[in-house]
PDB file of N, CA and C in Angstrom:
ATOM      1  N   UNK A   1       0.849  -1.182   0.000  1.00  0.00           N
ATOM      2  CA  UNK A   1       0.000   0.000   0.000  1.00  0.00           C
ATOM      3  C   UNK A   1       0.889   1.238   0.000  1.00  0.00           C
ATOM      4  N   UNK A   2       0.515   2.192  -0.779  1.00  0.00           N
ATOM      5  CA  UNK A   2       1.231   3.452  -0.885  1.00  0.00           C
ATOM      6  C   UNK A   2       1.326   4.132   0.485  1.00  0.00           C
ATOM      7  N   UNK A   3       2.479   4.738   0.800  1.00  0.00           N
ATOM      8  CA  UNK A   3       2.691   5.390   2.096  1.00  0.00           C
ATOM      9  C   UNK A   3       1.680   6.501   2.364  1.00  0.00           C
ATOM     10  N   UNK A   4       1.343   7.257   1.337  1.00  0.00           N
ATOM     11  CA  UNK A   4       0.396   8.370   1.500  1.00  0.00           C
ATOM     12  C   UNK A   4      -0.987   7.838   1.866  1.00  0.00           C
ATOM     13  N   UNK A   5      -1.428   6.778   1.189  1.00  0.00           N
ATOM     14  CA  UNK A   5      -2.729   6.181   1.489  1.00  0.00           C
ATOM     15  C   UNK A   5      -2.718   5.584   2.894  1.00  0.00           C
ATOM     16  N   UNK A   6      -1.627   4.907   3.237  1.00  0.00           N
ATOM     17  CA  UNK A   6      -1.505   4.301   4.558  1.00  0.00           C
ATOM     18  C   UNK A   6      -1.613   5.364   5.656  1.00  0.00           C
ATOM     19  N   UNK A   7      -0.938   6.490   5.473  1.00  0.00           N
ATOM     20  CA  UNK A   7      -0.991   7.574   6.447  1.00  0.00           C
ATOM     21  C   UNK A   7      -2.393   8.178   6.525  1.00  0.00           C
ATOM     22  N   UNK A   8      -3.039   8.328   5.382  1.00  0.00           N
ATOM     23  CA  UNK A   8      -4.401   8.847   5.346  1.00  0.00           C
ATOM     24  C   UNK A   8      -5.344   7.969   6.165  1.00  0.00           C
ATOM     25  N   UNK A   9      -5.259   6.660   5.981  1.00  0.00           N
ATOM     26  CA  UNK A   9      -6.104   5.729   6.735  1.00  0.00           C
ATOM     27  C   UNK A   9      -5.743   5.719   8.216  1.00  0.00           C
ATOM     28  N   UNK A  10      -4.453   5.807   8.512  1.00  0.00           N
ATOM     29  CA  UNK A  10      -3.992   5.817   9.899  1.00  0.00           C
ATOM     30  C   UNK A  10      -4.573   7.018  10.655  1.00  0.00           C
ATOM     31  N   UNK A  11      -4.725   8.146   9.963  1.00  0.00           N
ATOM     32  CA  UNK A  11      -5.226   9.371  10.580  1.00  0.00           C
ATOM     33  C   UNK A  11      -6.752   9.411  10.702  1.00  0.00           C
ATOM     34  N   UNK A  12      -7.434   8.414  10.148  1.00  0.00           N
ATOM     35  CA  UNK A  12      -8.895   8.398  10.215  1.00  0.00           C
ATOM     36  C   UNK A  12      -9.370   8.070  11.629  1.00  0.00           C
ATOM     37  N   UNK A  13     -10.487   8.707  11.995  1.00  0.00           N
ATOM     38  CA  UNK A  13     -11.048   8.541  13.343  1.00  0.00           C
ATOM     39  C   UNK A  13     -12.365   7.780  13.288  1.00  0.00           C
ATOM     40  N   UNK A  14     -12.446   6.787  12.432  1.00  0.00           N
ATOM     41  CA  UNK A  14     -13.655   5.977  12.363  1.00  0.00           C
ATOM     42  C   UNK A  14     -14.328   6.055  11.006  1.00  0.00           C
ATOM     43  N   UNK A  15     -15.629   5.742  11.032  1.00  0.00           N
ATOM     44  CA  UNK A  15     -16.413   5.672   9.805  1.00  0.00           C
ATOM     45  C   UNK A  15     -17.565   6.661   9.872  1.00  0.00           C
ATOM     46  N   UNK A  16     -17.959   7.125   8.698  1.00  0.00           N
ATOM     47  CA  UNK A  16     -19.119   8.002   8.585  1.00  0.00           C
ATOM     48  C   UNK A  16     -20.069   7.312   7.615  1.00  0.00           C
ATOM     49  N   UNK A  17     -21.302   7.097   8.051  1.00  0.00           N
ATOM     50  CA  UNK A  17     -22.278   6.409   7.215  1.00  0.00           C
ATOM     51  C   UNK A  17     -23.454   7.310   6.898  1.00  0.00           C
ATOM     52  N   UNK A  18     -23.717   7.493   5.634  1.00  0.00           N
ATOM     53  CA  UNK A  18     -24.932   8.148   5.179  1.00  0.00           C
ATOM     54  C   UNK A  18     -26.064   7.152   5.431  1.00  0.00           C
ATOM     55  N   UNK A  19     -27.146   7.584   6.055  1.00  0.00           N
ATOM     56  CA  UNK A  19     -28.228   6.660   6.408  1.00  0.00           C
ATOM     57  C   UNK A  19     -28.798   5.916   5.199  1.00  0.00           C
ATOM     58  N   UNK A  20     -28.907   6.575   4.058  1.00  0.00           N
ATOM     59  CA  UNK A  20     -29.406   5.894   2.861  1.00  0.00           C
ATOM     60  C   UNK A  20     -28.393   4.885   2.331  1.00  0.00           C
ATOM     61  N   UNK A  21     -27.122   5.229   2.393  1.00  0.00           N
ATOM     62  CA  UNK A  21     -26.065   4.381   1.862  1.00  0.00           C
ATOM     63  C   UNK A  21     -25.720   3.232   2.815  1.00  0.00           C
ATOM     64  N   UNK A  22     -25.983   3.422   4.090  1.00  0.00           N
ATOM     65  CA  UNK A  22     -25.609   2.430   5.108  1.00  0.00           C
ATOM     66  C   UNK A  22     -26.181   1.045   4.795  1.00  0.00           C
ATOM     67  N   UNK A  23     -27.404   1.022   4.306  1.00  0.00           N
ATOM     68  CA  UNK A  23     -28.066  -0.260   4.056  1.00  0.00           C
ATOM     69  C   UNK A  23     -28.167  -0.608   2.571  1.00  0.00           C
ATOM     70  N   UNK A  24     -27.780   0.324   1.688  1.00  0.00           N
ATOM     71  CA  UNK A  24     -27.844   0.093   0.246  1.00  0.00           C
ATOM     72  C   UNK A  24     -27.016  -1.131  -0.155  1.00  0.00           C
ATOM     73  N   UNK A  25     -25.802  -1.243   0.391  1.00  0.00           N
ATOM     74  CA  UNK A  25     -24.931  -2.368   0.040  1.00  0.00           C
ATOM     75  C   UNK A  25     -25.491  -3.687   0.548  1.00  0.00           C
ATOM     76  N   UNK A  26     -26.196  -3.624   1.658  1.00  0.00           N
ATOM     77  CA  UNK A  26     -26.822  -4.826   2.207  1.00  0.00           C
ATOM     78  C   UNK A  26     -27.938  -5.319   1.292  1.00  0.00           C
ATOM     79  N   UNK A  27     -28.743  -4.400   0.811  1.00  0.00           N
ATOM     80  CA  UNK A  27     -29.852  -4.756  -0.072  1.00  0.00           C
ATOM     81  C   UNK A  27     -29.343  -5.179  -1.449  1.00  0.00           C
ATOM     82  N   UNK A  28     -28.432  -4.393  -2.001  1.00  0.00           N
ATOM     83  CA  UNK A  28     -27.967  -4.628  -3.369  1.00  0.00           C
ATOM     84  C   UNK A  28     -26.974  -5.788  -3.489  1.00  0.00           C
ATOM     85  N   UNK A  29     -26.042  -5.901  -2.511  1.00  0.00           N
ATOM     86  CA  UNK A  29     -24.967  -6.893  -2.626  1.00  0.00           C
ATOM     87  C   UNK A  29     -24.853  -7.823  -1.420  1.00  0.00           C
ATOM     88  N   UNK A  30     -25.797  -7.732  -0.485  1.00  0.00           N
ATOM     89  CA  UNK A  30     -25.790  -8.543   0.731  1.00  0.00           C
ATOM     90  C   UNK A  30     -24.510  -8.362   1.555  1.00  0.00           C
ATOM     91  N   UNK A  31     -23.998  -7.129   1.576  1.00  0.00           N
ATOM     92  CA  UNK A  31     -22.817  -6.795   2.374  1.00  0.00           C
ATOM     93  C   UNK A  31     -23.262  -5.828   3.471  1.00  0.00           C
ATOM     94  N   UNK A  32     -23.192  -6.295   4.711  1.00  0.00           N
ATOM     95  CA  UNK A  32     -23.592  -5.474   5.861  1.00  0.00           C
ATOM     96  C   UNK A  32     -22.508  -4.434   6.148  1.00  0.00           C
ATOM     97  N   UNK A  33     -22.914  -3.283   6.645  1.00  0.00           N
ATOM     98  CA  UNK A  33     -21.938  -2.215   6.889  1.00  0.00           C
ATOM     99  C   UNK A  33     -20.866  -2.627   7.907  1.00  0.00           C
ATOM    100  N   UNK A  34     -21.171  -3.497   8.833  1.00  0.00           N
ATOM    101  CA  UNK A  34     -20.166  -3.983   9.794  1.00  0.00           C
ATOM    102  C   UNK A  34     -19.086  -4.782   9.063  1.00  0.00           C
ATOM    103  N   UNK A  35     -19.480  -5.568   8.057  1.00  0.00           N
ATOM    104  CA  UNK A  35     -18.501  -6.312   7.262  1.00  0.00           C
ATOM    105  C   UNK A  35     -17.557  -5.345   6.541  1.00  0.00           C
ATOM    106  N   UNK A  36     -18.108  -4.249   6.041  1.00  0.00           N
ATOM    107  CA  UNK A  36     -17.273  -3.244   5.373  1.00  0.00           C
ATOM    108  C   UNK A  36     -16.214  -2.722   6.331  1.00  0.00           C
ATOM    109  N   UNK A  37     -16.631  -2.387   7.538  1.00  0.00           N
ATOM    110  CA  UNK A  37     -15.688  -1.856   8.523  1.00  0.00           C
ATOM    111  C   UNK A  37     -14.624  -2.887   8.883  1.00  0.00           C
ATOM    112  N   UNK A  38     -15.015  -4.149   9.031  1.00  0.00           N
ATOM    113  CA  UNK A  38     -14.051  -5.205   9.369  1.00  0.00           C
ATOM    114  C   UNK A  38     -12.924  -5.292   8.344  1.00  0.00           C
ATOM    115  N   UNK A  39     -13.261  -5.139   7.076  1.00  0.00           N
ATOM    116  CA  UNK A  39     -12.268  -5.301   6.009  1.00  0.00           C
ATOM    117  C   UNK A  39     -11.100  -4.328   6.143  1.00  0.00           C
ATOM    118  N   UNK A  40     -11.324  -3.174   6.758  1.00  0.00           N
ATOM    119  CA  UNK A  40     -10.262  -2.176   6.917  1.00  0.00           C
ATOM    120  C   UNK A  40      -9.250  -2.572   8.008  1.00  0.00           C
ATOM    121  N   UNK A  41      -9.594  -3.551   8.833  1.00  0.00           N
ATOM    122  CA  UNK A  41      -8.737  -3.930   9.955  1.00  0.00           C
ATOM    123  C   UNK A  41      -8.069  -5.292   9.797  1.00  0.00           C
ATOM    124  N   UNK A  42      -8.341  -5.983   8.703  1.00  0.00           N
ATOM    125  CA  UNK A  42      -7.766  -7.307   8.480  1.00  0.00           C
ATOM    126  C   UNK A  42      -6.678  -7.245   7.414  1.00  0.00           C
ATOM    127  N   UNK A  43      -5.611  -7.972   7.649  1.00  0.00           N
ATOM    128  CA  UNK A  43      -4.493  -8.056   6.702  1.00  0.00           C
ATOM    129  C   UNK A  43      -4.636  -9.331   5.881  1.00  0.00           C
ATOM    130  N   UNK A  44      -4.203  -9.336   4.638  1.00  0.00           N
ATOM    131  CA  UNK A  44      -3.660  -8.195   3.921  1.00  0.00           C
ATOM    132  C   UNK A  44      -4.775  -7.253   3.475  1.00  0.00           C
ATOM    133  N   UNK A  45      -4.386  -6.033   3.268  1.00  0.00           N
ATOM    134  CA  UNK A  45      -5.290  -4.976   2.846  1.00  0.00           C
ATOM    135  C   UNK A  45      -4.648  -4.289   1.647  1.00  0.00           C
ATOM    136  N   UNK A  46      -5.348  -4.289   0.534  1.00  0.00           N
ATOM    137  CA  UNK A  46      -4.834  -3.636  -0.668  1.00  0.00           C
ATOM    138  C   UNK A  46      -5.717  -2.422  -0.936  1.00  0.00           C
ATOM    139  N   UNK A  47      -5.104  -1.254  -1.039  1.00  0.00           N
ATOM    140  CA  UNK A  47      -5.847  -0.027  -1.308  1.00  0.00           C
ATOM    141  C   UNK A  47      -5.186   0.704  -2.471  1.00  0.00           C
ATOM    142  N   UNK A  48      -6.003   1.098  -3.429  1.00  0.00           N
ATOM    143  CA  UNK A  48      -5.526   1.832  -4.592  1.00  0.00           C
ATOM    144  C   UNK A  48      -6.311   3.137  -4.742  1.00  0.00           C
ATOM    145  N   UNK A  49      -5.646   4.139  -5.282  1.00  0.00           N
ATOM    146  CA  UNK A  49      -6.290   5.389  -5.651  1.00  0.00           C
ATOM    147  C   UNK A  49      -7.145   5.120  -6.887  1.00  0.00           C
ATOM    148  N   UNK A  50      -8.383   5.544  -6.877  1.00  0.00           N
ATOM    149  CA  UNK A  50      -9.302   5.333  -7.992  1.00  0.00           C
ATOM    150  C   UNK A  50      -9.359   6.594  -8.852  1.00  0.00           C
ATOM    151  N   UNK A  51      -8.359   6.744  -9.692  1.00  0.00           N
ATOM    152  CA  UNK A  51      -8.226   7.949 -10.517  1.00  0.00           C
ATOM    153  C   UNK A  51      -9.433   8.151 -11.431  1.00  0.00           C
ATOM    154  N   UNK A  52      -9.932   7.072 -11.980  1.00  0.00           N
ATOM    155  CA  UNK A  52     -11.038   7.139 -12.935  1.00  0.00           C
ATOM    156  C   UNK A  52     -12.309   7.753 -12.335  1.00  0.00           C
ATOM    157  N   UNK A  53     -12.567   7.502 -11.062  1.00  0.00           N
ATOM    158  CA  UNK A  53     -13.810   7.958 -10.425  1.00  0.00           C
ATOM    159  C   UNK A  53     -13.585   9.069  -9.402  1.00  0.00           C
ATOM    160  N   UNK A  54     -12.512   9.804  -9.527  1.00  0.00           N
ATOM    161  CA  UNK A  54     -12.174  10.838  -8.546  1.00  0.00           C
ATOM    162  C   UNK A  54     -12.361  12.252  -9.092  1.00  0.00           C
ATOM    163  N   UNK A  55     -13.377  12.458  -9.899  1.00  0.00           N
ATOM    164  CA  UNK A  55     -13.587  13.789 -10.456  1.00  0.00           C
ATOM    165  C   UNK A  55     -14.020  14.792  -9.387  1.00  0.00           C
ATOM    166  N   UNK A  56     -15.039  14.467  -8.595  1.00  0.00           N
ATOM    167  CA  UNK A  56     -15.586  15.393  -7.598  1.00  0.00           C
ATOM    168  C   UNK A  56     -14.882  15.288  -6.251  1.00  0.00           C
ATOM    169  N   UNK A  57     -14.438  14.092  -5.907  1.00  0.00           N
ATOM    170  CA  UNK A  57     -13.724  13.873  -4.651  1.00  0.00           C
ATOM    171  C   UNK A  57     -12.752  12.713  -4.838  1.00  0.00           C
ATOM    172  N   UNK A  58     -11.745  12.644  -4.008  1.00  0.00           N
ATOM    173  CA  UNK A  58     -10.762  11.576  -4.099  1.00  0.00           C
ATOM    174  C   UNK A  58     -11.390  10.268  -3.632  1.00  0.00           C
ATOM    175  N   UNK A  59     -11.318   9.273  -4.484  1.00  0.00           N
ATOM    176  CA  UNK A  59     -11.874   7.958  -4.151  1.00  0.00           C
ATOM    177  C   UNK A  59     -10.777   6.906  -4.200  1.00  0.00           C
ATOM    178  N   UNK A  60     -11.019   5.862  -3.438  1.00  0.00           N
ATOM    179  CA  UNK A  60     -10.105   4.730  -3.350  1.00  0.00           C
ATOM    180  C   UNK A  60     -10.914   3.450  -3.483  1.00  0.00           C
ATOM    181  N   UNK A  61     -10.223   2.381  -3.852  1.00  0.00           N
ATOM    182  CA  UNK A  61     -10.867   1.077  -3.750  1.00  0.00           C
ATOM    183  C   UNK A  61      -9.968   0.141  -2.971  1.00  0.00           C
ATOM    184  N   UNK A  62     -10.603  -0.766  -2.294  1.00  0.00           N
ATOM    185  CA  UNK A  62      -9.942  -1.660  -1.355  1.00  0.00           C
ATOM    186  C   UNK A  62     -10.269  -3.102  -1.702  1.00  0.00           C
ATOM    187  N   UNK A  63      -9.281  -3.955  -1.583  1.00  0.00           N
ATOM    188  CA  UNK A  63      -9.483  -5.399  -1.625  1.00  0.00           C
ATOM    189  C   UNK A  63      -9.114  -5.898  -0.242  1.00  0.00           C
ATOM    190  N   UNK A  64     -10.057  -6.534   0.415  1.00  0.00           N
ATOM    191  CA  UNK A  64      -9.811  -7.013   1.772  1.00  0.00           C
ATOM    192  C   UNK A  64     -10.783  -8.114   2.140  1.00  0.00           C
ATOM    193  N   UNK A  65     -10.714  -8.528   3.396  1.00  0.00           N
ATOM    194  CA  UNK A  65     -11.623  -9.594   3.827  1.00  0.00           C
ATOM    195  C   UNK A  65     -12.188  -9.301   5.216  1.00  0.00           C
ATOM    196  N   UNK A  66     -13.335  -9.905   5.472  1.00  0.00           N
ATOM    197  CA  UNK A  66     -14.025  -9.739   6.747  1.00  0.00           C
ATOM    198  C   UNK A  66     -13.453 -10.704   7.779  1.00  0.00           C
ATOM    199  N   UNK A  67     -13.968 -10.635   8.987  1.00  0.00           N
ATOM    200  CA  UNK A  67     -13.540 -11.565  10.034  1.00  0.00           C
ATOM    201  C   UNK A  67     -13.929 -13.008   9.706  1.00  0.00           C
ATOM    202  N   UNK A  68     -14.928 -13.167   8.843  1.00  0.00           N
ATOM    203  CA  UNK A  68     -15.359 -14.502   8.420  1.00  0.00           C
ATOM    204  C   UNK A  68     -14.754 -14.884   7.064  1.00  0.00           C
ATOM    205  N   UNK A  69     -13.695 -14.173   6.661  1.00  0.00           N
ATOM    206  CA  UNK A  69     -12.939 -14.435   5.426  1.00  0.00           C
ATOM    207  C   UNK A  69     -13.727 -14.195   4.142  1.00  0.00           C
ATOM    208  N   UNK A  70     -14.705 -13.346   4.191  1.00  0.00           N
ATOM    209  CA  UNK A  70     -15.426 -12.961   2.986  1.00  0.00           C
ATOM    210  C   UNK A  70     -14.584 -11.927   2.241  1.00  0.00           C
ATOM    211  N   UNK A  71     -14.326 -12.143   0.975  1.00  0.00           N
ATOM    212  CA  UNK A  71     -13.484 -11.262   0.166  1.00  0.00           C
ATOM    213  C   UNK A  71     -14.323 -10.132  -0.414  1.00  0.00           C
ATOM    214  N   UNK A  72     -13.964  -8.885  -0.071  1.00  0.00           N
ATOM    215  CA  UNK A  72     -14.754  -7.739  -0.487  1.00  0.00           C
ATOM    216  C   UNK A  72     -13.964  -6.743  -1.332  1.00  0.00           C
ATOM    217  N   UNK A  73     -14.682  -6.100  -2.226  1.00  0.00           N
ATOM    218  CA  UNK A  73     -14.208  -4.968  -3.012  1.00  0.00           C
ATOM    219  C   UNK A  73     -15.008  -3.775  -2.504  1.00  0.00           C
ATOM    220  N   UNK A  74     -14.322  -2.752  -1.999  1.00  0.00           N
ATOM    221  CA  UNK A  74     -14.987  -1.607  -1.392  1.00  0.00           C
ATOM    222  C   UNK A  74     -14.474  -0.321  -2.024  1.00  0.00           C
ATOM    223  N   UNK A  75     -15.384   0.546  -2.408  1.00  0.00           N
ATOM    224  CA  UNK A  75     -15.042   1.876  -2.887  1.00  0.00           C
ATOM    225  C   UNK A  75     -15.342   2.828  -1.734  1.00  0.00           C
ATOM    226  N   UNK A  76     -14.384   3.732  -1.450  1.00  0.00           N
ATOM    227  CA  UNK A  76     -14.579   4.648  -0.331  1.00  0.00           C
ATOM    228  C   UNK A  76     -13.873   5.971  -0.577  1.00  0.00           C
ATOM    229  N   UNK A  77     -14.203   6.930   0.243  1.00  0.00           N
ATOM    230  CA  UNK A  77     -13.530   8.219   0.261  1.00  0.00           C
ATOM    231  C   UNK A  77     -13.242   8.553   1.719  1.00  0.00           C
ATOM    232  N   UNK A  78     -12.470   9.599   1.942  1.00  0.00           N
ATOM    233  CA  UNK A  78     -12.205  10.068   3.304  1.00  0.00           C
ATOM    234  C   UNK A  78     -12.699  11.501   3.382  1.00  0.00           C
ATOM    235  N   UNK A  79     -13.604  11.734   4.344  1.00  0.00           N
ATOM    236  CA  UNK A  79     -14.140  13.085   4.576  1.00  0.00           C
ATOM    237  C   UNK A  79     -13.975  13.426   6.047  1.00  0.00           C
ATOM    238  N   UNK A  80     -13.359  14.554   6.308  1.00  0.00           N
ATOM    239  CA  UNK A  80     -13.181  15.014   7.690  1.00  0.00           C
ATOM    240  C   UNK A  80     -12.574  13.929   8.588  1.00  0.00           C
ATOM    241  N   UNK A  81     -11.526  13.275   8.074  1.00  0.00           N
ATOM    242  CA  UNK A  81     -10.808  12.210   8.798  1.00  0.00           C
ATOM    243  C   UNK A  81     -11.680  11.009   9.157  1.00  0.00           C
ATOM    244  N   UNK A  82     -12.693  10.757   8.352  1.00  0.00           N
ATOM    245  CA  UNK A  82     -13.530   9.567   8.544  1.00  0.00           C
ATOM    246  C   UNK A  82     -13.679   8.848   7.214  1.00  0.00           C
ATOM    247  N   UNK A  83     -13.689   7.528   7.283  1.00  0.00           N
ATOM    248  CA  UNK A  83     -13.868   6.696   6.098  1.00  0.00           C
ATOM    249  C   UNK A  83     -15.353   6.657   5.769  1.00  0.00           C
ATOM    250  N   UNK A  84     -15.671   6.939   4.517  1.00  0.00           N
ATOM    251  CA  UNK A  84     -17.060   6.927   4.058  1.00  0.00           C
ATOM    252  C   UNK A  84     -17.163   5.925   2.917  1.00  0.00           C
ATOM    253  N   UNK A  85     -17.797   4.785   3.182  1.00  0.00           N
ATOM    254  CA  UNK A  85     -17.949   3.733   2.173  1.00  0.00           C
ATOM    255  C   UNK A  85     -19.012   4.155   1.171  1.00  0.00           C
ATOM    256  N   UNK A  86     -18.660   4.053  -0.087  1.00  0.00           N
ATOM    257  CA  UNK A  86     -19.572   4.407  -1.176  1.00  0.00           C
ATOM    258  C   UNK A  86     -20.271   3.164  -1.714  1.00  0.00           C
ATOM    259  N   UNK A  87     -19.492   2.095  -1.866  1.00  0.00           N
ATOM    260  CA  UNK A  87     -20.030   0.864  -2.426  1.00  0.00           C
ATOM    261  C   UNK A  87     -19.225  -0.324  -1.912  1.00  0.00           C
ATOM    262  N   UNK A  88     -19.892  -1.458  -1.783  1.00  0.00           N
ATOM    263  CA  UNK A  88     -19.212  -2.686  -1.351  1.00  0.00           C
ATOM    264  C   UNK A  88     -19.891  -3.893  -1.989  1.00  0.00           C
ATOM    265  N   UNK A  89     -19.066  -4.845  -2.402  1.00  0.00           N
ATOM    266  CA  UNK A  89     -19.569  -6.082  -3.011  1.00  0.00           C
ATOM    267  C   UNK A  89     -18.516  -7.158  -2.848  1.00  0.00           C
ATOM    268  N   UNK A  90     -18.884  -8.391  -3.180  1.00  0.00           N
ATOM    269  CA  UNK A  90     -17.909  -9.476  -3.196  1.00  0.00           C
ATOM    270  C   UNK A  90     -16.920  -9.245  -4.333  1.00  0.00           C
ATOM    271  N   UNK A  91     -15.679  -9.663  -4.116  1.00  0.00           N
ATOM    272  CA  UNK A  91     -14.667  -9.558  -5.174  1.00  0.00           C
ATOM    273  C   UNK A  91     -15.061 -10.434  -6.355  1.00  0.00           C
ATOM    274  N   UNK A  92     -14.735  -9.959  -7.557  1.00  0.00           N
ATOM    275  CA  UNK A  92     -14.931 -10.805  -8.739  1.00  0.00           C
ATOM    276  C   UNK A  92     -13.703 -11.712  -8.902  1.00  0.00           C
ATOM    277  N   UNK A  93     -13.721 -12.550  -9.912  1.00  0.00           N
ATOM    278  CA  UNK A  93     -12.654 -13.535 -10.128  1.00  0.00           C
ATOM    279  C   UNK A  93     -11.282 -12.869 -10.280  1.00  0.00           C
ATOM    280  N   UNK A  94     -11.214 -11.816 -11.091  1.00  0.00           N
ATOM    281  CA  UNK A  94      -9.946 -11.119 -11.325  1.00  0.00           C
ATOM    282  C   UNK A  94      -9.414 -10.493 -10.027  1.00  0.00           C
ATOM    283  N   UNK A  95     -10.284  -9.872  -9.270  1.00  0.00           N
ATOM    284  CA  UNK A  95      -9.890  -9.241  -8.002  1.00  0.00           C
ATOM    285  C   UNK A  95      -9.413 -10.275  -6.987  1.00  0.00           C
ATOM    286  N   UNK A  96     -10.079 -11.428  -6.946  1.00  0.00           N
ATOM    287  CA  UNK A  96      -9.645 -12.511  -6.043  1.00  0.00           C
ATOM    288  C   UNK A  96      -8.244 -12.981  -6.403  1.00  0.00           C
ATOM    289  N   UNK A  97      -7.961 -13.066  -7.699  1.00  0.00           N
ATOM    290  CA  UNK A  97      -6.640 -13.490  -8.159  1.00  0.00           C
ATOM    291  C   UNK A  97      -5.571 -12.482  -7.741  1.00  0.00           C
ATOM    292  N   UNK A  98      -5.857 -11.194  -7.913  1.00  0.00           N
ATOM    293  CA  UNK A  98      -4.931 -10.134  -7.485  1.00  0.00           C
ATOM    294  C   UNK A  98      -4.675 -10.241  -5.987  1.00  0.00           C
ATOM    295  N   UNK A  99      -5.732 -10.437  -5.224  1.00  0.00           N
ATOM    296  CA  UNK A  99      -5.636 -10.524  -3.768  1.00  0.00           C
ATOM    297  C   UNK A  99      -4.816 -11.755  -3.324  1.00  0.00           C
ATOM    298  N   UNK A 100      -5.086 -12.883  -3.954  1.00  0.00           N
ATOM    299  CA  UNK A 100      -4.348 -14.114  -3.620  1.00  0.00           C
ATOM    300  C   UNK A 100      -2.860 -13.956  -3.923  1.00  0.00           C
ATOM    301  N   UNK A 101      -2.538 -13.376  -5.081  1.00  0.00           N
ATOM    302  CA  UNK A 101      -1.141 -13.159  -5.448  1.00  0.00           C
ATOM    303  C   UNK A 101      -0.458 -12.212  -4.481  1.00  0.00           C
ATOM    304  N   UNK A 102      -1.151 -11.167  -4.091  1.00  0.00           N
ATOM    305  CA  UNK A 102      -0.608 -10.216  -3.119  1.00  0.00           C
ATOM    306  C   UNK A 102      -0.353 -10.907  -1.780  1.00  0.00           C
ATOM    307  N   UNK A 103      -1.307 -11.739  -1.371  1.00  0.00           N
ATOM    308  CA  UNK A 103      -1.202 -12.458  -0.089  1.00  0.00           C
ATOM    309  C   UNK A 103       0.001 -13.408  -0.106  1.00  0.00           C
ATOM    310  N   UNK A 104       0.208 -14.090  -1.229  1.00  0.00           N
ATOM    311  CA  UNK A 104       1.335 -15.021  -1.358  1.00  0.00           C
ATOM    312  C   UNK A 104       2.678 -14.298  -1.279  1.00  0.00           C
ATOM    313  N   UNK A 105       2.744 -13.128  -1.877  1.00  0.00           N
ATOM    314  CA  UNK A 105       4.000 -12.385  -1.981  1.00  0.00           C
ATOM    315  C   UNK A 105       4.256 -11.439  -0.825  1.00  0.00           C
ATOM    316  N   UNK A 106       3.353 -11.390   0.139  1.00  0.00           N
ATOM    317  CA  UNK A 106       3.541 -10.479   1.280  1.00  0.00           C
ATOM    318  C   UNK A 106       4.334 -11.123   2.385  1.00  0.00           C
TER     319      UNK A 106
END
């Protein structure tokens, strides 16, 4: 993980959930907001800057896993030193492969 991203996450003081968005991922992708939060605390954690979707605000995407080893792809931003999850779903085949390779080489 890039040092700048790592420092940004280290400086975060928790999560901020929009009430409408909090349950959207649960309904759409069966990912509970608690699972999203867990993924930020489990290693390995892969975080990339999402240049393509960062027109209005800086966005990132994360490959990580929950406490129950569920592999998640999460899009998020940081606002006022809090992580704000935009979207969360299960990793697709390509993302799982990237994650497995990263895990092997770490």
